[in-house]
C-alpha atoms as a PDB file:
ATOM      1  CA  HIS A   1       0.000   0.000   0.000  1.00  0.00           C
ATOM      2  CA  LEU A   2       1.177   3.469  -0.840  1.00  0.00           C
ATOM      3  CA  GLY A   3      -0.487   4.851   2.292  1.00  0.00           C
ATOM      4  CA  SER A   4      -0.886   8.400   3.491  1.00  0.00           C
ATOM      5  CA  GLU A   5       2.220   9.616   1.613  1.00  0.00           C
ATOM      6  CA  ALA A   6       0.154   9.406  -1.589  1.00  0.00           C
ATOM      7  CA  HIS A   7      -2.749  11.397  -0.119  1.00  0.00           C
ATOM      8  CA  PRO A   8      -1.946  14.579  -2.138  1.00  0.00           C
ATOM      9  CA  ALA A   9      -2.525  12.616  -5.381  1.00  0.00           C
ATOM     10  CA  ILE A  10      -6.071  11.546  -4.462  1.00  0.00           C
ATOM     11  CA  ASP A  11      -7.798  14.607  -5.976  1.00  0.00           C
ATOM     12  CA  THR A  12      -5.974  14.092  -9.271  1.00  0.00           C
ATOM     13  CA  LEU A  13      -6.805  10.374  -9.230  1.00  0.00           C
ATOM     14  CA  GLN A  14     -10.486  11.083  -8.539  1.00  0.00           C
ATOM     15  CA  ALA A  15     -10.549  13.439 -11.530  1.00  0.00           C
ATOM     16  CA  ALA A  16      -8.979  10.682 -13.644  1.00  0.00           C
ATOM     17  CA  LEU A  17     -11.881   8.357 -12.729  1.00  0.00           C
ATOM     18  CA  ALA A  18     -14.126  10.419 -15.028  1.00  0.00           C
ATOM     19  CA  GLU A  19     -11.688  10.100 -17.917  1.00  0.00           C
ATOM     20  CA  ALA A  20     -13.287   8.736 -21.119  1.00  0.00           C
ATOM     21  CA  ASN A  21     -10.233   6.591 -21.802  1.00  0.00           C
ATOM     22  CA  PRO A  22     -10.811   3.355 -19.822  1.00  0.00           C
ATOM     23  CA  GLU A  23      -7.064   2.727 -19.463  1.00  0.00           C
ATOM     24  CA  ILE A  24      -6.639   5.993 -17.571  1.00  0.00           C
ATOM     25  CA  SER A  25      -9.681   5.506 -15.329  1.00  0.00           C
ATOM     26  CA  GLU A  26      -8.691   1.892 -14.585  1.00  0.00           C
ATOM     27  CA  GLN A  27      -5.172   2.976 -13.639  1.00  0.00           C
ATOM     28  CA  ALA A  28      -6.706   5.570 -11.289  1.00  0.00           C
ATOM     29  CA  ILE A  29      -8.853   2.816  -9.716  1.00  0.00           C
ATOM     30  CA  ARG A  30      -5.777   0.604  -9.253  1.00  0.00           C
ATOM     31  CA  THR A  31      -3.750   3.446  -7.746  1.00  0.00           C
ATOM     32  CA  LEU A  32      -6.504   4.451  -5.309  1.00  0.00           C
ATOM     33  CA  GLY A  33      -6.665   0.813  -4.199  1.00  0.00           C
ATOM     34  CA  ALA A  34      -2.882   0.765  -3.776  1.00  0.00           C
ATOM     35  CA  ILE A  35      -3.097   3.845  -1.545  1.00  0.00           C
ATOM     36  CA  GLY A  36      -5.317   1.779   0.738  1.00  0.00           C
ATOM     37  CA  ALA A  37      -7.342   3.131   3.652  1.00  0.00           C
ATOM     38  CA  SER A  38      -5.926   6.629   3.140  1.00  0.00           C
ATOM     39  CA  ALA A  39      -7.969   6.786  -0.089  1.00  0.00           C
ATOM     40  CA  GLU A  40     -11.263   6.239   1.776  1.00  0.00           C
ATOM     41  CA  ILE A  41     -12.351   9.739   0.775  1.00  0.00           C
ATOM     42  CA  SER A  42     -12.531   8.513  -2.841  1.00  0.00           C
ATOM     43  CA  VAL A  43     -15.105   5.780  -2.093  1.00  0.00           C
ATOM     44  CA  PRO A  44     -18.177   7.831  -3.159  1.00  0.00           C
ATOM     45  CA  ALA A  45     -16.542   8.590  -6.524  1.00  0.00           C
ATOM     46  CA  LEU A  46     -15.590   4.934  -6.965  1.00  0.00           C
ATOM     47  CA  LEU A  47     -19.112   3.748  -6.167  1.00  0.00           C
ATOM     48  CA  GLN A  48     -20.497   6.110  -8.827  1.00  0.00           C
ATOM     49  CA  LEU A  49     -18.394   4.571 -11.602  1.00  0.00           C
ATOM     50  CA  PRO A  50     -20.961   1.949 -12.690  1.00  0.00           C
ATOM     51  CA  ALA A  51     -23.349   4.788 -13.610  1.00  0.00           C
ATOM     52  CA  GLN A  52     -20.909   5.836 -16.344  1.00  0.00           C
ATOM     53  CA  ASN A  53     -21.753   4.413 -19.749  1.00  0.00           C
ATOM     54  CA  ASN A  54     -18.261   3.186 -20.537  1.00  0.00           C
ATOM     55  CA  PHE A  55     -17.589   1.460 -17.211  1.00  0.00           C
ATOM     56  CA  SER A  56     -17.156  -2.308 -17.282  1.00  0.00           C
ATOM     57  CA  ASN A  57     -14.403  -3.441 -14.892  1.00  0.00           C
ATOM     58  CA  TYR A  58     -16.381  -4.376 -11.783  1.00  0.00           C
ATOM     59  CA  GLU A  59     -13.756  -6.848 -10.612  1.00  0.00           C
ATOM     60  CA  LEU A  60     -11.026  -4.173 -10.498  1.00  0.00           C
ATOM     61  CA  LEU A  61     -13.396  -1.800  -8.707  1.00  0.00           C
ATOM     62  CA  VAL A  62     -14.280  -4.337  -5.999  1.00  0.00           C
ATOM     63  CA  GLN A  63     -10.620  -5.273  -5.532  1.00  0.00           C
ATOM     64  CA  SER A  64      -9.681  -1.606  -5.085  1.00  0.00           C
ATOM     65  CA  LEU A  65     -12.541  -0.995  -2.666  1.00  0.00           C
ATOM     66  CA  ASN A  66     -11.345  -4.025  -0.692  1.00  0.00           C
ATOM     67  CA  GLN A  67      -7.808  -2.575  -0.581  1.00  0.00           C
ATOM     68  CA  ILE A  68      -9.244   0.728   0.657  1.00  0.00           C
ATOM     69  CA  GLN A  69     -10.888  -1.394   3.389  1.00  0.00           C
ATOM     70  CA  PHE A  70     -14.407  -0.435   2.368  1.00  0.00           C
ATOM     71  CA  ASP A  71     -16.857  -1.748   4.985  1.00  0.00           C
ATOM     72  CA  TRP A  72     -19.268  -3.583   2.661  1.00  0.00           C
ATOM     73  CA  ALA A  73     -21.477  -4.877   5.463  1.00  0.00           C
ATOM     74  CA  ASN A  74     -22.055  -1.627   7.342  1.00  0.00           C
ATOM     75  CA  ARG A  75     -22.003   1.192   4.795  1.00  0.00           C
ATOM     76  CA  GLU A  76     -25.351   2.361   3.434  1.00  0.00           C
ATOM     77  CA  ASP A  77     -23.793   3.265   0.101  1.00  0.00           C
ATOM     78  CA  ALA A  78     -22.805  -0.396  -0.430  1.00  0.00           C
ATOM     79  CA  ALA A  79     -26.385  -1.555  -1.106  1.00  0.00           C
ATOM     80  CA  PRO A  80     -27.004   0.513  -4.270  1.00  0.00           C
ATOM     81  CA  PHE A  81     -23.653  -0.618  -5.666  1.00  0.00           C
ATOM     82  CA  LEU A  82     -24.477  -4.252  -4.908  1.00  0.00           C
ATOM     83  CA  ASP A  83     -27.887  -3.798  -6.556  1.00  0.00           C
ATOM     84  CA  GLN A  84     -26.127  -2.512  -9.676  1.00  0.00           C
ATOM     85  CA  LEU A  85     -23.705  -5.421  -9.562  1.00  0.00           C
ATOM     86  CA  LEU A  86     -26.552  -7.942  -9.357  1.00  0.00           C
ATOM     87  CA  ALA A  87     -28.405  -6.228 -12.197  1.00  0.00           C
ATOM     88  CA  THR A  88     -25.247  -6.485 -14.308  1.00  0.00           C
ATOM     89  CA  LEU A  89     -25.515 -10.275 -14.155  1.00  0.00           C
ATOM     90  CA  ASN A  90     -28.341  -9.935 -16.698  1.00  0.00           C
ATOM     91  CA  ASP A  91     -26.130  -8.047 -19.183  1.00  0.00           C
ATOM     92  CA  GLN A  92     -24.377 -10.494 -21.512  1.00  0.00           C
ATOM     93  CA  GLY A  93     -21.506  -8.078 -22.199  1.00  0.00           C
ATOM     94  CA  GLU A  94     -20.809  -7.311 -18.522  1.00  0.00           C
ATOM     95  CA  ARG A  95     -21.688 -10.645 -16.880  1.00  0.00           C
ATOM     96  CA  LEU A  96     -18.129 -11.980 -16.593  1.00  0.00           C
ATOM     97  CA  SER A  97     -16.880  -8.812 -14.919  1.00  0.00           C
ATOM     98  CA  ALA A  98     -19.830  -8.904 -12.503  1.00  0.00           C
ATOM     99  CA  VAL A  99     -19.236 -12.578 -11.662  1.00  0.00           C
ATOM    100  CA  LEU A 100     -15.545 -11.962 -10.979  1.00  0.00           C
ATOM    101  CA  ALA A 101     -16.463  -8.946  -8.836  1.00  0.00           C
ATOM    102  CA  LEU A 102     -18.945 -11.004  -6.821  1.00  0.00           C
ATOM    103  CA  LYS A 103     -16.263 -13.615  -6.205  1.00  0.00           C
ATOM    104  CA  ALA A 104     -13.929 -10.864  -4.952  1.00  0.00           C
ATOM    105  CA  LEU A 105     -16.420  -9.660  -2.328  1.00  0.00           C
ATOM    106  CA  PRO A 106     -15.528 -10.455   1.288  1.00  0.00           C
ATOM    107  CA  ALA A 107     -17.633 -13.198   2.889  1.00  0.00           C
ATOM    108  CA  ALA A 108     -19.189 -10.720   5.332  1.00  0.00           C
ATOM    109  CA  THR A 109     -20.700  -8.880   2.373  1.00  0.00           C
ATOM    110  CA  ILE A 110     -22.974 -11.768   1.487  1.00  0.00           C
ATOM    111  CA  GLN A 111     -25.442 -10.768   4.221  1.00  0.00           C
ATOM    112  CA  THR A 112     -25.613  -7.247   2.748  1.00  0.00           C
ATOM    113  CA  LEU A 113     -26.030  -8.698  -0.721  1.00  0.00           C
ATOM    114  CA  LEU A 114     -28.970 -10.826   0.404  1.00  0.00           C
ATOM    115  CA  LYS A 115     -30.657  -7.753   1.901  1.00  0.00           C
ATOM    116  CA  SER A 116     -30.234  -5.707  -1.273  1.00  0.00           C
ATOM    117  CA  ASP A 117     -33.285  -4.647  -3.269  1.00  0.00           C
ATOM    118  CA  ALA A 118     -32.102  -6.506  -6.365  1.00  0.00           C
ATOM    119  CA  PHE A 119     -31.820  -9.782  -4.464  1.00  0.00           C
ATOM    120  CA  GLN A 120     -35.129  -9.285  -2.677  1.00  0.00           C
ATOM    121  CA  GLU A 121     -36.842  -8.748  -6.027  1.00  0.00           C
ATOM    122  CA  GLN A 122     -35.331 -11.946  -7.390  1.00  0.00           C
ATOM    123  CA  LYS A 123     -35.889 -14.043  -4.266  1.00  0.00           C
ATOM    124  CA  MET A 124     -35.133 -17.643  -5.237  1.00  0.00           C
ATOM    125  CA  GLU A 125     -35.247 -17.298  -9.021  1.00  0.00           C
ATOM    126  CA  PRO A 126     -32.695 -19.272 -11.063  1.00  0.00           C
ATOM    127  CA  ASN A 127     -30.402 -16.225 -11.384  1.00  0.00           C
ATOM    128  CA  THR A 128     -30.170 -16.065  -7.614  1.00  0.00           C
ATOM    129  CA  MET A 129     -29.233 -19.712  -7.395  1.00  0.00           C
ATOM    130  CA  LYS A 130     -26.575 -19.119 -10.064  1.00  0.00           C
ATOM    131  CA  LEU A 131     -25.330 -16.216  -7.985  1.00  0.00           C
ATOM    132  CA  LEU A 132     -24.841 -18.484  -4.975  1.00  0.00           C
ATOM    133  CA  LEU A 133     -22.910 -20.937  -7.123  1.00  0.00           C
ATOM    134  CA  VAL A 134     -20.696 -18.060  -8.261  1.00  0.00           C
ATOM    135  CA  LEU A 135     -20.073 -17.038  -4.676  1.00  0.00           C
ATOM    136  CA  GLY A 136     -18.846 -20.532  -3.853  1.00  0.00           C
ATOM    137  CA  LYS A 137     -17.491 -20.882  -0.320  1.00  0.00           C
ATOM    138  CA  ASN A 138     -18.589 -17.325   0.503  1.00  0.00           C
ATOM    139  CA  ALA A 139     -22.192 -18.463   0.024  1.00  0.00           C
ATOM    140  CA  GLN A 140     -21.960 -20.472   3.257  1.00  0.00           C
ATOM    141  CA  SER A 141     -22.282 -17.275   5.269  1.00  0.00           C
ATOM    142  CA  ALA A 142     -25.558 -16.684   3.420  1.00  0.00           C
ATOM    143  CA  LEU A 143     -27.225 -19.898   4.588  1.00  0.00           C
ATOM    144  CA  PRO A 144     -28.990 -18.493   7.687  1.00  0.00           C
ATOM    145  CA  MET A 145     -30.549 -15.696   5.682  1.00  0.00           C
ATOM    146  CA  LEU A 146     -31.420 -18.041   2.812  1.00  0.00           C
ATOM    147  CA  ASN A 147     -33.206 -20.298   5.262  1.00  0.00           C
ATOM    148  CA  GLN A 148     -35.162 -17.295   6.529  1.00  0.00           C
ATOM    149  CA  ILE A 149     -36.104 -16.299   2.958  1.00  0.00           C
ATOM    150  CA  ILE A 150     -37.200 -19.851   2.171  1.00  0.00           C
ATOM    151  CA  GLU A 151     -39.313 -20.004   5.345  1.00  0.00           C
ATOM    152  CA  GLU A 152     -40.942 -16.654   4.493  1.00  0.00           C
ATOM    153  CA  GLU A 153     -41.689 -17.844   0.957  1.00  0.00           C
ATOM    154  CA  GLN A 154     -43.160 -21.095   2.268  1.00  0.00           C
ATOM    155  CA  GLN A 155     -45.302 -19.165   4.743  1.00  0.00           C
ATOM    156  CA  LEU A 156     -46.616 -16.914   1.957  1.00  0.00           C
ATOM    157  CA  LEU A 157     -47.463 -19.947  -0.166  1.00  0.00           C
ATOM    158  CA  LEU A 158     -49.295 -21.564   2.750  1.00  0.00           C
ATOM    159  CA  GLU A 159     -51.270 -18.368   3.368  1.00  0.00           C
ATOM    160  CA  LYS A 160     -52.230 -18.142  -0.317  1.00  0.00           C
ATOM    161  CA  GLU A 161     -53.343 -21.772  -0.335  1.00  0.00           C
ATOM    162  CA  LYS A 162     -55.383 -21.185   2.817  1.00  0.00           C
ATOM    163  CA  GLU A 163     -57.072 -18.120   1.250  1.00  0.00           C
ATOM    164  CA  LYS A 164     -57.924 -20.150  -1.862  1.00  0.00           C
ATOM    165  CA  SER A 165     -59.442 -22.981   0.157  1.00  0.00           C
ATOM    166  CA  GLU A 166     -61.470 -20.538   2.309  1.00  0.00           C
ATOM    167  CA  ARG A 167     -62.961 -18.962  -0.820  1.00  0.00           C
ATOM    168  CA  ARG A 168     -64.249 -22.339  -2.035  1.00  0.00           C
END
């Protein structure tokens, strides 16, 4: 890590994030990650990158955020980013980058991922099951919440069946 000695370069690196040339913006992402926790001030700018039309390197972004020691599980701004990442799984051109980014997430992030709006909308659809396969060993930390989701879904189905039978 470059550490606090590189702090004066952060403003310049943040400006480079908006650069149209992906090589320049990706180098800025890498360098901010290499600075580590001292680059925490750049997190909002990094999290906004997926909104740019030419952005596609989710794996690099997640790796850099990890190096900056971004607290995926406890930061409110993590959820919208994770929603975007999940939505990217449906984009043929960006899917590989999204899958690699999901694999790079820390295990503790899985709980946040399962609480995200995008996951809640999908519930247990096939894409969600594919997501858990992608997450591999990190998915184990998701099991308690998955069990809760399954129980809630089963309860809803039972209630619907009961309503149907009462109407007859």
